[in-house]
Amino acid sequence: MPPVRQPANHICIDITTLELLAGWTVEDATNDAEAIRAANQEFVEFKKTMNENRGMDLTSS
């Protein structure tokens, strides 16, 4: 079981997961302009698809 710290407001914080996510952020960091451009384009396309799907009537399938 990962260590869990219990703050005063009784919200559990999973420190191990936060450390893992922070490590991935460092690993994925880049200064490569082409990689940044490609990631941004992928995100724009993802948002477009998500917004298109939001308008679909899911009860008609």
C-alpha atoms as a PDB file:
ATOM      1  CA  MET A   1       0.000   0.000   0.000  1.00  0.00           C
ATOM      2  CA  PRO A   2       1.481   3.384  -0.957  1.00  0.00           C
ATOM      3  CA  PRO A   3       2.024   5.934   1.801  1.00  0.00           C
ATOM      4  CA  VAL A   4      -0.982   8.202   2.265  1.00  0.00           C
ATOM      5  CA  ARG A   5      -0.889  11.528   4.056  1.00  0.00           C
ATOM      6  CA  GLN A   6      -4.139  12.735   5.656  1.00  0.00           C
ATOM      7  CA  PRO A   7      -4.328  16.568   5.649  1.00  0.00           C
ATOM      8  CA  ALA A   8      -6.515  18.461   8.088  1.00  0.00           C
ATOM      9  CA  ASN A   9      -9.385  18.671   5.574  1.00  0.00           C
ATOM     10  CA  HIS A  10      -9.492  14.834   5.412  1.00  0.00           C
ATOM     11  CA  ILE A  11      -8.595  14.535   1.722  1.00  0.00           C
ATOM     12  CA  CYS A  12      -6.253  11.594   1.070  1.00  0.00           C
ATOM     13  CA  ILE A  13      -3.188  12.394  -1.019  1.00  0.00           C
ATOM     14  CA  ASP A  14      -1.393   9.492  -2.673  1.00  0.00           C
ATOM     15  CA  ILE A  15       2.196  10.748  -2.639  1.00  0.00           C
ATOM     16  CA  THR A  16       3.509   7.791  -4.632  1.00  0.00           C
ATOM     17  CA  THR A  17       1.172   8.493  -7.545  1.00  0.00           C
ATOM     18  CA  LEU A  18       1.990  12.202  -7.488  1.00  0.00           C
ATOM     19  CA  GLU A  19       5.708  11.377  -7.593  1.00  0.00           C
ATOM     20  CA  LEU A  20       5.135   8.984 -10.509  1.00  0.00           C
ATOM     21  CA  LEU A  21       3.212  11.624 -12.474  1.00  0.00           C
ATOM     22  CA  ALA A  22       5.901  14.223 -11.752  1.00  0.00           C
ATOM     23  CA  GLY A  23       8.544  11.790 -13.005  1.00  0.00           C
ATOM     24  CA  TRP A  24       6.632  11.238 -16.240  1.00  0.00           C
ATOM     25  CA  THR A  25       6.376  14.997 -16.720  1.00  0.00           C
ATOM     26  CA  VAL A  26      10.156  15.305 -16.440  1.00  0.00           C
ATOM     27  CA  GLU A  27      10.716  12.347 -18.801  1.00  0.00           C
ATOM     28  CA  ASP A  28       8.349  13.782 -21.406  1.00  0.00           C
ATOM     29  CA  ALA A  29       9.760  17.323 -21.298  1.00  0.00           C
ATOM     30  CA  THR A  30      11.317  18.517 -24.545  1.00  0.00           C
ATOM     31  CA  ASN A  31      12.713  21.611 -26.206  1.00  0.00           C
ATOM     32  CA  ASP A  32      12.306  20.065 -29.663  1.00  0.00           C
ATOM     33  CA  ALA A  33      10.095  22.518 -31.578  1.00  0.00           C
ATOM     34  CA  GLU A  34       8.801  19.825 -33.957  1.00  0.00           C
ATOM     35  CA  ALA A  35       7.835  17.496 -31.093  1.00  0.00           C
ATOM     36  CA  ILE A  36       6.035  20.383 -29.359  1.00  0.00           C
ATOM     37  CA  ARG A  37       4.223  21.320 -32.587  1.00  0.00           C
ATOM     38  CA  ALA A  38       3.149  17.712 -33.158  1.00  0.00           C
ATOM     39  CA  ALA A  39       1.901  17.336 -29.574  1.00  0.00           C
ATOM     40  CA  ASN A  40      -0.067  20.569 -29.831  1.00  0.00           C
ATOM     41  CA  GLN A  41      -1.630  19.473 -33.135  1.00  0.00           C
ATOM     42  CA  GLU A  42      -2.571  16.118 -31.628  1.00  0.00           C
ATOM     43  CA  PHE A  43      -4.233  17.920 -28.713  1.00  0.00           C
ATOM     44  CA  VAL A  44      -6.170  20.252 -31.051  1.00  0.00           C
ATOM     45  CA  GLU A  45      -7.443  17.227 -32.994  1.00  0.00           C
ATOM     46  CA  PHE A  46      -8.363  15.438 -29.751  1.00  0.00           C
ATOM     47  CA  LYS A  47     -10.360  18.450 -28.517  1.00  0.00           C
ATOM     48  CA  LYS A  48     -12.127  18.744 -31.882  1.00  0.00           C
ATOM     49  CA  THR A  49     -13.129  15.064 -31.810  1.00  0.00           C
ATOM     50  CA  MET A  50     -14.290  15.276 -28.197  1.00  0.00           C
ATOM     51  CA  ASN A  51     -16.424  18.324 -28.949  1.00  0.00           C
ATOM     52  CA  GLU A  52     -17.924  16.667 -32.038  1.00  0.00           C
ATOM     53  CA  ASN A  53     -18.793  13.572 -29.994  1.00  0.00           C
ATOM     54  CA  ARG A  54     -20.337  15.697 -27.256  1.00  0.00           C
ATOM     55  CA  GLY A  55     -23.101  16.754 -29.637  1.00  0.00           C
ATOM     56  CA  MET A  56     -23.984  13.205 -30.691  1.00  0.00           C
ATOM     57  CA  ASP A  57     -27.245  11.668 -29.514  1.00  0.00           C
ATOM     58  CA  LEU A  58     -26.007   8.586 -27.695  1.00  0.00           C
ATOM     59  CA  THR A  59     -29.519   7.188 -27.185  1.00  0.00           C
ATOM     60  CA  SER A  60     -30.077   6.576 -30.903  1.00  0.00           C
ATOM     61  CA  SER A  61     -27.558   3.760 -31.271  1.00  0.00           C
END
